[in-house]
Structures are given as C-alpha cells and as structure tokens.
Full PDB file with SEQRES, HELIX, SHEET, SSBOND, CRYST1, ORIGX, SCALE, CONECT and MASTER records, all heavy atoms in Angstrom:
SEQRES   1 A   38  TYR TYR PRO THR ALA LEU PRO LEU GLN PRO ALA PHE ALA          
SEQRES   2 A   38  TYR LEU GLY HIS GLN ALA GLY ASP PHE PRO ASN ALA GLU          
SEQRES   3 A   38  ALA ILE THR GLY ARG SER LEU ALA LEU PRO LEU TYR              
HELIX    1 AA1 LEU A    6  LEU A    8  5                                   3    
HELIX    2 AA2 PRO A   10  LEU A   15  5                                   6    
HELIX    3 AA3 PRO A   23  THR A   29  1                                   7    
CRYST1    1.000    1.000    1.000  90.00  90.00  90.00 P 1           1          
ORIGX1      1.000000  0.000000  0.000000        0.00000                         
ORIGX2      0.000000  1.000000  0.000000        0.00000                         
ORIGX3      0.000000  0.000000  1.000000        0.00000                         
SCALE1      1.000000  0.000000  0.000000        0.00000                         
SCALE2      0.000000  1.000000  0.000000        0.00000                         
SCALE3      0.000000  0.000000  1.000000        0.00000                         
ATOM      1  N   TYR A   1    -117.800  45.673 -23.365  1.00  0.00           N  
ATOM      2  CA  TYR A   1    -117.174  45.030 -22.271  1.00  0.00           C  
ATOM      3  C   TYR A   1    -116.654  46.100 -21.274  1.00  0.00           C  
ATOM      4  O   TYR A   1    -115.691  46.757 -21.605  1.00  0.00           O  
ATOM      5  CB  TYR A   1    -115.941  44.202 -22.680  1.00  0.00           C  
ATOM      6  CG  TYR A   1    -116.203  43.102 -23.663  1.00  0.00           C  
ATOM      7  CD1 TYR A   1    -116.120  43.269 -25.034  1.00  0.00           C  
ATOM      8  CD2 TYR A   1    -116.474  41.814 -23.168  1.00  0.00           C  
ATOM      9  CE1 TYR A   1    -116.270  42.209 -25.881  1.00  0.00           C  
ATOM     10  CE2 TYR A   1    -116.684  40.777 -24.064  1.00  0.00           C  
ATOM     11  CZ  TYR A   1    -116.608  40.942 -25.439  1.00  0.00           C  
ATOM     12  OH  TYR A   1    -116.784  39.894 -26.275  1.00  0.00           O  
ATOM     13  N   TYR A   2    -117.264  46.315 -20.179  1.00  0.00           N  
ATOM     14  CA  TYR A   2    -118.482  45.786 -19.590  1.00  0.00           C  
ATOM     15  C   TYR A   2    -119.308  46.955 -19.245  1.00  0.00           C  
ATOM     16  O   TYR A   2    -118.827  48.038 -18.934  1.00  0.00           O  
ATOM     17  CB  TYR A   2    -118.127  44.971 -18.323  1.00  0.00           C  
ATOM     18  CG  TYR A   2    -117.230  43.765 -18.716  1.00  0.00           C  
ATOM     19  CD1 TYR A   2    -115.897  43.815 -18.537  1.00  0.00           C  
ATOM     20  CD2 TYR A   2    -117.850  42.603 -19.250  1.00  0.00           C  
ATOM     21  CE1 TYR A   2    -115.111  42.693 -18.872  1.00  0.00           C  
ATOM     22  CE2 TYR A   2    -117.054  41.501 -19.557  1.00  0.00           C  
ATOM     23  CZ  TYR A   2    -115.678  41.540 -19.398  1.00  0.00           C  
ATOM     24  OH  TYR A   2    -114.920  40.482 -19.729  1.00  0.00           O  
ATOM     25  N   PRO A   3    -120.723  46.816 -19.214  1.00  0.00           N  
ATOM     26  CA  PRO A   3    -121.514  47.980 -19.069  1.00  0.00           C  
ATOM     27  C   PRO A   3    -121.622  48.524 -17.630  1.00  0.00           C  
ATOM     28  O   PRO A   3    -122.074  49.695 -17.436  1.00  0.00           O  
ATOM     29  CB  PRO A   3    -122.918  47.471 -19.535  1.00  0.00           C  
ATOM     30  CG  PRO A   3    -122.883  46.008 -19.285  1.00  0.00           C  
ATOM     31  CD  PRO A   3    -121.484  45.583 -19.534  1.00  0.00           C  
ATOM     32  N   THR A   4    -121.258  47.753 -16.612  1.00  0.00           N  
ATOM     33  CA  THR A   4    -121.399  48.175 -15.233  1.00  0.00           C  
ATOM     34  C   THR A   4    -120.162  47.685 -14.433  1.00  0.00           C  
ATOM     35  O   THR A   4    -119.837  46.547 -14.540  1.00  0.00           O  
ATOM     36  CB  THR A   4    -122.650  47.689 -14.586  1.00  0.00           C  
ATOM     37  OG1 THR A   4    -123.800  48.067 -15.327  1.00  0.00           O  
ATOM     38  CG2 THR A   4    -122.791  48.208 -13.145  1.00  0.00           C  
ATOM     39  N   ALA A   5    -119.525  48.544 -13.654  1.00  0.00           N  
ATOM     40  CA  ALA A   5    -118.423  48.114 -12.836  1.00  0.00           C  
ATOM     41  C   ALA A   5    -118.933  47.062 -11.835  1.00  0.00           C  
ATOM     42  O   ALA A   5    -120.050  47.108 -11.322  1.00  0.00           O  
ATOM     43  CB  ALA A   5    -117.843  49.282 -12.069  1.00  0.00           C  
ATOM     44  N   LEU A   6    -118.093  46.060 -11.532  1.00  0.00           N  
ATOM     45  CA  LEU A   6    -118.513  44.947 -10.713  1.00  0.00           C  
ATOM     46  C   LEU A   6    -119.038  45.391  -9.324  1.00  0.00           C  
ATOM     47  O   LEU A   6    -120.047  44.842  -8.822  1.00  0.00           O  
ATOM     48  CB  LEU A   6    -117.325  44.017 -10.521  1.00  0.00           C  
ATOM     49  CG  LEU A   6    -117.025  43.088 -11.778  1.00  0.00           C  
ATOM     50  CD1 LEU A   6    -115.815  42.224 -11.449  1.00  0.00           C  
ATOM     51  CD2 LEU A   6    -118.255  42.253 -12.137  1.00  0.00           C  
ATOM     52  N   PRO A   7    -118.380  46.340  -8.598  1.00  0.00           N  
ATOM     53  CA  PRO A   7    -118.915  46.690  -7.297  1.00  0.00           C  
ATOM     54  C   PRO A   7    -120.336  47.256  -7.318  1.00  0.00           C  
ATOM     55  O   PRO A   7    -121.008  47.202  -6.303  1.00  0.00           O  
ATOM     56  CB  PRO A   7    -117.900  47.767  -6.778  1.00  0.00           C  
ATOM     57  CG  PRO A   7    -116.687  47.540  -7.616  1.00  0.00           C  
ATOM     58  CD  PRO A   7    -117.177  47.083  -8.978  1.00  0.00           C  
ATOM     59  N   LEU A   8    -120.761  47.719  -8.483  1.00  0.00           N  
ATOM     60  CA  LEU A   8    -122.088  48.345  -8.602  1.00  0.00           C  
ATOM     61  C   LEU A   8    -123.122  47.391  -9.210  1.00  0.00           C  
ATOM     62  O   LEU A   8    -124.279  47.757  -9.399  1.00  0.00           O  
ATOM     63  CB  LEU A   8    -122.023  49.635  -9.451  1.00  0.00           C  
ATOM     64  CG  LEU A   8    -121.040  50.690  -8.900  1.00  0.00           C  
ATOM     65  CD1 LEU A   8    -121.092  51.935  -9.759  1.00  0.00           C  
ATOM     66  CD2 LEU A   8    -121.334  51.042  -7.473  1.00  0.00           C  
ATOM     67  N   GLN A   9    -122.704  46.131  -9.466  1.00  0.00           N  
ATOM     68  CA  GLN A   9    -123.669  45.147  -9.953  1.00  0.00           C  
ATOM     69  C   GLN A   9    -124.593  44.779  -8.792  1.00  0.00           C  
ATOM     70  O   GLN A   9    -124.176  44.674  -7.634  1.00  0.00           O  
ATOM     71  CB  GLN A   9    -122.864  43.923 -10.402  1.00  0.00           C  
ATOM     72  CG  GLN A   9    -122.001  44.106 -11.662  1.00  0.00           C  
ATOM     73  CD  GLN A   9    -122.810  43.965 -12.910  1.00  0.00           C  
ATOM     74  OE1 GLN A   9    -123.996  43.717 -12.928  1.00  0.00           O  
ATOM     75  NE2 GLN A   9    -122.132  44.126 -14.069  1.00  0.00           N  
ATOM     76  N   PRO A  10    -125.862  44.440  -9.097  1.00  0.00           N  
ATOM     77  CA  PRO A  10    -126.807  44.043  -8.054  1.00  0.00           C  
ATOM     78  C   PRO A  10    -126.280  42.860  -7.246  1.00  0.00           C  
ATOM     79  O   PRO A  10    -126.555  42.786  -6.023  1.00  0.00           O  
ATOM     80  CB  PRO A  10    -128.064  43.690  -8.842  1.00  0.00           C  
ATOM     81  CG  PRO A  10    -127.978  44.475 -10.083  1.00  0.00           C  
ATOM     82  CD  PRO A  10    -126.509  44.591 -10.406  1.00  0.00           C  
ATOM     83  N   ALA A  11    -125.571  41.961  -7.843  1.00  0.00           N  
ATOM     84  CA  ALA A  11    -125.093  40.763  -7.109  1.00  0.00           C  
ATOM     85  C   ALA A  11    -124.139  41.116  -5.971  1.00  0.00           C  
ATOM     86  O   ALA A  11    -124.047  40.341  -5.017  1.00  0.00           O  
ATOM     87  CB  ALA A  11    -124.351  39.828  -8.086  1.00  0.00           C  
ATOM     88  N   PHE A  12    -123.508  42.280  -6.025  1.00  0.00           N  
ATOM     89  CA  PHE A  12    -122.566  42.675  -4.998  1.00  0.00           C  
ATOM     90  C   PHE A  12    -123.114  43.882  -4.165  1.00  0.00           C  
ATOM     91  O   PHE A  12    -122.341  44.528  -3.464  1.00  0.00           O  
ATOM     92  CB  PHE A  12    -121.208  43.042  -5.572  1.00  0.00           C  
ATOM     93  CG  PHE A  12    -120.534  41.857  -6.240  1.00  0.00           C  
ATOM     94  CD1 PHE A  12    -120.387  41.841  -7.603  1.00  0.00           C  
ATOM     95  CD2 PHE A  12    -120.083  40.822  -5.467  1.00  0.00           C  
ATOM     96  CE1 PHE A  12    -119.804  40.757  -8.190  1.00  0.00           C  
ATOM     97  CE2 PHE A  12    -119.470  39.702  -6.047  1.00  0.00           C  
ATOM     98  CZ  PHE A  12    -119.312  39.664  -7.422  1.00  0.00           C  
ATOM     99  N   ALA A  13    -124.403  44.084  -4.214  1.00  0.00           N  
ATOM    100  CA  ALA A  13    -125.034  45.168  -3.491  1.00  0.00           C  
ATOM    101  C   ALA A  13    -124.781  45.016  -1.945  1.00  0.00           C  
ATOM    102  O   ALA A  13    -124.710  46.001  -1.233  1.00  0.00           O  
ATOM    103  CB  ALA A  13    -126.530  45.272  -3.778  1.00  0.00           C  
ATOM    104  N   TYR A  14    -124.620  43.788  -1.511  1.00  0.00           N  
ATOM    105  CA  TYR A  14    -124.475  43.548  -0.076  1.00  0.00           C  
ATOM    106  C   TYR A  14    -123.144  44.137   0.491  1.00  0.00           C  
ATOM    107  O   TYR A  14    -122.971  44.298   1.674  1.00  0.00           O  
ATOM    108  CB  TYR A  14    -124.504  42.015   0.240  1.00  0.00           C  
ATOM    109  CG  TYR A  14    -123.335  41.229  -0.291  1.00  0.00           C  
ATOM    110  CD1 TYR A  14    -122.245  40.965   0.526  1.00  0.00           C  
ATOM    111  CD2 TYR A  14    -123.325  40.752  -1.565  1.00  0.00           C  
ATOM    112  CE1 TYR A  14    -121.147  40.210   0.062  1.00  0.00           C  
ATOM    113  CE2 TYR A  14    -122.245  40.008  -2.038  1.00  0.00           C  
ATOM    114  CZ  TYR A  14    -121.162  39.758  -1.230  1.00  0.00           C  
ATOM    115  OH  TYR A  14    -120.110  39.021  -1.713  1.00  0.00           O  
ATOM    116  N   LEU A  15    -122.219  44.467  -0.439  1.00  0.00           N  
ATOM    117  CA  LEU A  15    -120.954  45.088  -0.007  1.00  0.00           C  
ATOM    118  C   LEU A  15    -121.066  46.520   0.267  1.00  0.00           C  
ATOM    119  O   LEU A  15    -120.162  47.154   0.843  1.00  0.00           O  
ATOM    120  CB  LEU A  15    -119.873  44.805  -1.065  1.00  0.00           C  
ATOM    121  CG  LEU A  15    -119.473  43.306  -1.262  1.00  0.00           C  
ATOM    122  CD1 LEU A  15    -118.506  43.166  -2.418  1.00  0.00           C  
ATOM    123  CD2 LEU A  15    -118.818  42.773   0.051  1.00  0.00           C  
ATOM    124  N   GLY A  16    -122.157  47.166  -0.244  1.00  0.00           N  
ATOM    125  CA  GLY A  16    -122.444  48.540   0.151  1.00  0.00           C  
ATOM    126  C   GLY A  16    -121.722  49.616  -0.646  1.00  0.00           C  
ATOM    127  O   GLY A  16    -121.648  50.779  -0.207  1.00  0.00           O  
ATOM    128  N   HIS A  17    -121.211  49.277  -1.842  1.00  0.00           N  
ATOM    129  CA  HIS A  17    -120.511  50.297  -2.642  1.00  0.00           C  
ATOM    130  C   HIS A  17    -121.452  51.269  -3.318  1.00  0.00           C  
ATOM    131  O   HIS A  17    -122.608  50.906  -3.618  1.00  0.00           O  
ATOM    132  CB  HIS A  17    -119.618  49.619  -3.679  1.00  0.00           C  
ATOM    133  CG  HIS A  17    -118.535  48.785  -3.092  1.00  0.00           C  
ATOM    134  ND1 HIS A  17    -117.515  49.371  -2.352  1.00  0.00           N  
ATOM    135  CD2 HIS A  17    -118.248  47.463  -3.147  1.00  0.00           C  
ATOM    136  CE1 HIS A  17    -116.687  48.391  -1.983  1.00  0.00           C  
ATOM    137  NE2 HIS A  17    -117.112  47.250  -2.417  1.00  0.00           N  
ATOM    138  N   GLN A  18    -121.011  52.480  -3.515  1.00  0.00           N  
ATOM    139  CA  GLN A  18    -121.856  53.515  -4.115  1.00  0.00           C  
ATOM    140  C   GLN A  18    -121.203  54.042  -5.381  1.00  0.00           C  
ATOM    141  O   GLN A  18    -119.964  53.907  -5.601  1.00  0.00           O  
ATOM    142  CB  GLN A  18    -122.039  54.691  -3.149  1.00  0.00           C  
ATOM    143  CG  GLN A  18    -122.646  54.274  -1.783  1.00  0.00           C  
ATOM    144  CD  GLN A  18    -124.071  53.836  -1.935  1.00  0.00           C  
ATOM    145  OE1 GLN A  18    -124.801  54.300  -2.753  1.00  0.00           O  
ATOM    146  NE2 GLN A  18    -124.438  52.834  -1.099  1.00  0.00           N  
ATOM    147  N   ALA A  19    -121.996  54.591  -6.286  1.00  0.00           N  
ATOM    148  CA  ALA A  19    -121.473  55.283  -7.457  1.00  0.00           C  
ATOM    149  C   ALA A  19    -120.402  56.308  -7.065  1.00  0.00           C  
ATOM    150  O   ALA A  19    -120.638  57.046  -6.142  1.00  0.00           O  
ATOM    151  CB  ALA A  19    -122.599  55.922  -8.266  1.00  0.00           C  
ATOM    152  N   GLY A  20    -119.302  56.306  -7.741  1.00  0.00           N  
ATOM    153  CA  GLY A  20    -118.212  57.226  -7.418  1.00  0.00           C  
ATOM    154  C   GLY A  20    -117.102  56.586  -6.625  1.00  0.00           C  
ATOM    155  O   GLY A  20    -116.016  57.185  -6.483  1.00  0.00           O  
ATOM    156  N   ASP A  21    -117.335  55.375  -6.085  1.00  0.00           N  
ATOM    157  CA  ASP A  21    -116.304  54.707  -5.288  1.00  0.00           C  
ATOM    158  C   ASP A  21    -115.098  54.226  -6.128  1.00  0.00           C  
ATOM    159  O   ASP A  21    -113.986  54.131  -5.673  1.00  0.00           O  
ATOM    160  CB  ASP A  21    -116.885  53.497  -4.545  1.00  0.00           C  
ATOM    161  CG  ASP A  21    -117.782  53.912  -3.355  1.00  0.00           C  
ATOM    162  OD1 ASP A  21    -117.802  55.120  -3.019  1.00  0.00           O  
ATOM    163  OD2 ASP A  21    -118.454  53.050  -2.847  1.00  0.00           O  
ATOM    164  N   PHE A  22    -115.370  53.970  -7.409  1.00  0.00           N  
ATOM    165  CA  PHE A  22    -114.350  53.463  -8.310  1.00  0.00           C  
ATOM    166  C   PHE A  22    -114.356  54.268  -9.613  1.00  0.00           C  
ATOM    167  O   PHE A  22    -114.840  53.802 -10.667  1.00  0.00           O  
ATOM    168  CB  PHE A  22    -114.585  51.975  -8.573  1.00  0.00           C  
ATOM    169  CG  PHE A  22    -114.613  51.115  -7.338  1.00  0.00           C  
ATOM    170  CD1 PHE A  22    -115.783  50.899  -6.643  1.00  0.00           C  
ATOM    171  CD2 PHE A  22    -113.424  50.538  -6.818  1.00  0.00           C  
ATOM    172  CE1 PHE A  22    -115.834  50.186  -5.459  1.00  0.00           C  
ATOM    173  CE2 PHE A  22    -113.442  49.821  -5.670  1.00  0.00           C  
ATOM    174  CZ  PHE A  22    -114.656  49.628  -4.979  1.00  0.00           C  
ATOM    175  N   PRO A  23    -113.891  55.501  -9.530  1.00  0.00           N  
ATOM    176  CA  PRO A  23    -114.100  56.441 -10.659  1.00  0.00           C  
ATOM    177  C   PRO A  23    -113.542  55.953 -12.010  1.00  0.00           C  
ATOM    178  O   PRO A  23    -114.163  56.189 -13.032  1.00  0.00           O  
ATOM    179  CB  PRO A  23    -113.426  57.733 -10.135  1.00  0.00           C  
ATOM    180  CG  PRO A  23    -112.511  57.256  -9.046  1.00  0.00           C  
ATOM    181  CD  PRO A  23    -113.158  56.092  -8.445  1.00  0.00           C  
ATOM    182  N   ASN A  24    -112.370  55.350 -11.996  1.00  0.00           N  
ATOM    183  CA  ASN A  24    -111.775  54.928 -13.246  1.00  0.00           C  
ATOM    184  C   ASN A  24    -112.548  53.810 -13.872  1.00  0.00           C  
ATOM    185  O   ASN A  24    -112.836  53.812 -15.101  1.00  0.00           O  
ATOM    186  CB  ASN A  24    -110.332  54.555 -13.058  1.00  0.00           C  
ATOM    187  CG  ASN A  24    -109.457  55.699 -12.668  1.00  0.00           C  
ATOM    188  OD1 ASN A  24    -109.777  56.861 -12.895  1.00  0.00           O  
ATOM    189  ND2 ASN A  24    -108.342  55.443 -12.000  1.00  0.00           N  
ATOM    190  N   ALA A  25    -112.914  52.804 -13.069  1.00  0.00           N  
ATOM    191  CA  ALA A  25    -113.642  51.643 -13.574  1.00  0.00           C  
ATOM    192  C   ALA A  25    -115.018  52.088 -14.114  1.00  0.00           C  
ATOM    193  O   ALA A  25    -115.491  51.651 -15.145  1.00  0.00           O  
ATOM    194  CB  ALA A  25    -113.851  50.606 -12.508  1.00  0.00           C  
ATOM    195  N   GLU A  26    -115.647  53.017 -13.337  1.00  0.00           N  
ATOM    196  CA  GLU A  26    -116.986  53.482 -13.751  1.00  0.00           C  
ATOM    197  C   GLU A  26    -116.914  54.342 -15.077  1.00  0.00           C  
ATOM    198  O   GLU A  26    -117.787  54.207 -15.915  1.00  0.00           O  
ATOM    199  CB  GLU A  26    -117.603  54.304 -12.651  1.00  0.00           C  
ATOM    200  CG  GLU A  26    -117.921  53.490 -11.377  1.00  0.00           C  
ATOM    201  CD  GLU A  26    -118.275  54.356 -10.200  1.00  0.00           C  
ATOM    202  OE1 GLU A  26    -119.128  55.271 -10.346  1.00  0.00           O  
ATOM    203  OE2 GLU A  26    -117.702  54.088  -9.123  1.00  0.00           O  
ATOM    204  N   ALA A  27    -115.824  55.087 -15.212  1.00  0.00           N  
ATOM    205  CA  ALA A  27    -115.676  55.906 -16.440  1.00  0.00           C  
ATOM    206  C   ALA A  27    -115.490  54.959 -17.658  1.00  0.00           C  
ATOM    207  O   ALA A  27    -116.080  55.225 -18.725  1.00  0.00           O  
ATOM    208  CB  ALA A  27    -114.511  56.849 -16.300  1.00  0.00           C  
ATOM    209  N   ILE A  28    -114.704  53.913 -17.508  1.00  0.00           N  
ATOM    210  CA  ILE A  28    -114.413  52.969 -18.607  1.00  0.00           C  
ATOM    211  C   ILE A  28    -115.737  52.289 -19.073  1.00  0.00           C  
ATOM    212  O   ILE A  28    -115.936  52.084 -20.247  1.00  0.00           O  
ATOM    213  CB  ILE A  28    -113.324  52.016 -18.266  1.00  0.00           C  
ATOM    214  CG1 ILE A  28    -112.011  52.727 -18.106  1.00  0.00           C  
ATOM    215  CG2 ILE A  28    -113.244  50.889 -19.304  1.00  0.00           C  
ATOM    216  CD1 ILE A  28    -110.851  51.877 -17.598  1.00  0.00           C  
ATOM    217  N   THR A  29    -116.587  51.963 -18.086  1.00  0.00           N  
ATOM    218  CA  THR A  29    -117.831  51.269 -18.469  1.00  0.00           C  
ATOM    219  C   THR A  29    -118.709  52.107 -19.416  1.00  0.00           C  
ATOM    220  O   THR A  29    -119.512  51.591 -20.173  1.00  0.00           O  
ATOM    221  CB  THR A  29    -118.653  50.851 -17.268  1.00  0.00           C  
ATOM    222  OG1 THR A  29    -119.040  52.010 -16.505  1.00  0.00           O  
ATOM    223  CG2 THR A  29    -117.867  49.874 -16.406  1.00  0.00           C  
ATOM    224  N   GLY A  30    -118.556  53.473 -19.342  1.00  0.00           N  
ATOM    225  CA  GLY A  30    -119.292  54.331 -20.183  1.00  0.00           C  
ATOM    226  C   GLY A  30    -118.612  54.648 -21.512  1.00  0.00           C  
ATOM    227  O   GLY A  30    -119.218  55.326 -22.375  1.00  0.00           O  
ATOM    228  N   ARG A  31    -117.383  54.170 -21.686  1.00  0.00           N  
ATOM    229  CA  ARG A  31    -116.603  54.515 -22.899  1.00  0.00           C  
ATOM    230  C   ARG A  31    -116.115  53.313 -23.730  1.00  0.00           C  
ATOM    231  O   ARG A  31    -115.792  53.458 -24.863  1.00  0.00           O  
ATOM    232  CB  ARG A  31    -115.386  55.323 -22.500  1.00  0.00           C  
ATOM    233  CG  ARG A  31    -115.690  56.679 -21.984  1.00  0.00           C  
ATOM    234  CD  ARG A  31    -114.461  57.403 -21.353  1.00  0.00           C  
ATOM    235  NE  ARG A  31    -113.266  57.276 -22.194  1.00  0.00           N  
ATOM    236  CZ  ARG A  31    -112.989  58.150 -23.191  1.00  0.00           C  
ATOM    237  NH1 ARG A  31    -113.812  59.157 -23.404  1.00  0.00           N  
ATOM    238  NH2 ARG A  31    -111.880  58.004 -23.881  1.00  0.00           N  
ATOM    239  N   SER A  32    -116.134  52.133 -23.098  1.00  0.00           N  
ATOM    240  CA  SER A  32    -115.478  50.979 -23.792  1.00  0.00           C  
ATOM    241  C   SER A  32    -116.393  50.446 -24.893  1.00  0.00           C  
ATOM    242  O   SER A  32    -117.623  50.325 -24.728  1.00  0.00           O  
ATOM    243  CB  SER A  32    -115.178  49.876 -22.773  1.00  0.00           C  
ATOM    244  OG  SER A  32    -116.376  49.341 -22.273  1.00  0.00           O  
ATOM    245  N   LEU A  33    -115.774  50.082 -26.020  1.00  0.00           N  
ATOM    246  CA  LEU A  33    -116.461  49.455 -27.124  1.00  0.00           C  
ATOM    247  C   LEU A  33    -115.489  48.533 -27.871  1.00  0.00           C  
ATOM    248  O   LEU A  33    -114.393  48.920 -28.147  1.00  0.00           O  
ATOM    249  CB  LEU A  33    -116.987  50.514 -28.093  1.00  0.00           C  
ATOM    250  CG  LEU A  33    -117.860  49.987 -29.213  1.00  0.00           C  
ATOM    251  CD1 LEU A  33    -119.183  49.492 -28.669  1.00  0.00           C  
ATOM    252  CD2 LEU A  33    -118.099  51.045 -30.267  1.00  0.00           C  
ATOM    253  N   ALA A  34    -115.956  47.324 -28.043  1.00  0.00           N  
ATOM    254  CA  ALA A  34    -115.117  46.296 -28.761  1.00  0.00           C  
ATOM    255  C   ALA A  34    -115.557  46.212 -30.197  1.00  0.00           C  
ATOM    256  O   ALA A  34    -116.689  46.056 -30.553  1.00  0.00           O  
ATOM    257  CB  ALA A  34    -115.305  44.941 -28.058  1.00  0.00           C  
ATOM    258  N   LEU A  35    -114.537  46.337 -31.068  1.00  0.00           N  
ATOM    259  CA  LEU A  35    -114.739  46.226 -32.521  1.00  0.00           C  
ATOM    260  C   LEU A  35    -114.421  44.797 -32.961  1.00  0.00           C  
ATOM    261  O   LEU A  35    -113.651  44.137 -32.352  1.00  0.00           O  
ATOM    262  CB  LEU A  35    -113.805  47.241 -33.252  1.00  0.00           C  
ATOM    263  CG  LEU A  35    -113.925  48.697 -32.829  1.00  0.00           C  
ATOM    264  CD1 LEU A  35    -112.950  49.562 -33.585  1.00  0.00           C  
ATOM    265  CD2 LEU A  35    -115.358  49.227 -33.006  1.00  0.00           C  
ATOM    266  N   PRO A  36    -114.962  44.374 -34.107  1.00  0.00           N  
ATOM    267  CA  PRO A  36    -114.721  43.026 -34.596  1.00  0.00           C  
ATOM    268  C   PRO A  36    -113.256  42.823 -34.819  1.00  0.00           C  
ATOM    269  O   PRO A  36    -112.570  43.623 -35.448  1.00  0.00           O  
ATOM    270  CB  PRO A  36    -115.519  42.963 -35.862  1.00  0.00           C  
ATOM    271  CG  PRO A  36    -116.599  44.012 -35.742  1.00  0.00           C  
ATOM    272  CD  PRO A  36    -115.993  45.093 -34.940  1.00  0.00           C  
ATOM    273  N   LEU A  37    -112.732  41.663 -34.336  1.00  0.00           N  
ATOM    274  CA  LEU A  37    -111.348  41.249 -34.641  1.00  0.00           C  
ATOM    275  C   LEU A  37    -111.247  39.782 -34.339  1.00  0.00           C  
ATOM    276  O   LEU A  37    -111.485  39.300 -33.237  1.00  0.00           O  
ATOM    277  CB  LEU A  37    -110.336  42.058 -33.754  1.00  0.00           C  
ATOM    278  CG  LEU A  37    -108.873  41.808 -34.077  1.00  0.00           C  
ATOM    279  CD1 LEU A  37    -108.029  43.005 -33.613  1.00  0.00           C  
ATOM    280  CD2 LEU A  37    -108.301  40.546 -33.431  1.00  0.00           C  
ATOM    281  N   TYR A  38    -110.922  39.056 -35.383  1.00  0.00           N  
ATOM    282  CA  TYR A  38    -110.585  37.592 -35.211  1.00  0.00           C  
ATOM    283  C   TYR A  38    -109.701  37.218 -36.402  1.00  0.00           C  
ATOM    284  O   TYR A  38    -109.621  37.940 -37.399  1.00  0.00           O  
ATOM    285  CB  TYR A  38    -111.878  36.753 -35.208  1.00  0.00           C  
ATOM    286  CG  TYR A  38    -112.792  36.990 -36.390  1.00  0.00           C  
ATOM    287  CD1 TYR A  38    -112.728  36.194 -37.539  1.00  0.00           C  
ATOM    288  CD2 TYR A  38    -113.764  37.989 -36.364  1.00  0.00           C  
ATOM    289  CE1 TYR A  38    -113.566  36.421 -38.636  1.00  0.00           C  
ATOM    290  CE2 TYR A  38    -114.574  38.257 -37.430  1.00  0.00           C  
ATOM    291  CZ  TYR A  38    -114.479  37.413 -38.541  1.00  0.00           C  
ATOM    292  OH  TYR A  38    -115.304  37.686 -39.632  1.00  0.00           O  
TER     293      TYR A  38                                                      
MASTER        0    0    0    3    0    0    0    6  292    1    0    3          
END                                                                             
C-alpha cells in the first residue's frame, strides 16, 4: 500500500506532475509493506 504515488498515476497524467515533485510520498511507495494483522 501503495506502489505509485497518486500524482504519478496514469489517471492523473493530465495534471502534468513529474517524478520528484512529491519526494516523501514517492519514497514511501518504494518502502511500504503491510504484514498480516486481523
């Protein structure tokens, strides 16, 4: 959760964002991992 920051998703390409515009969000997408818990 989640593999790509929202501004860089194809669905929002019309907004014109580029890699590096949201450094913290982009970094988390490369590090986040959810472990089983219920």
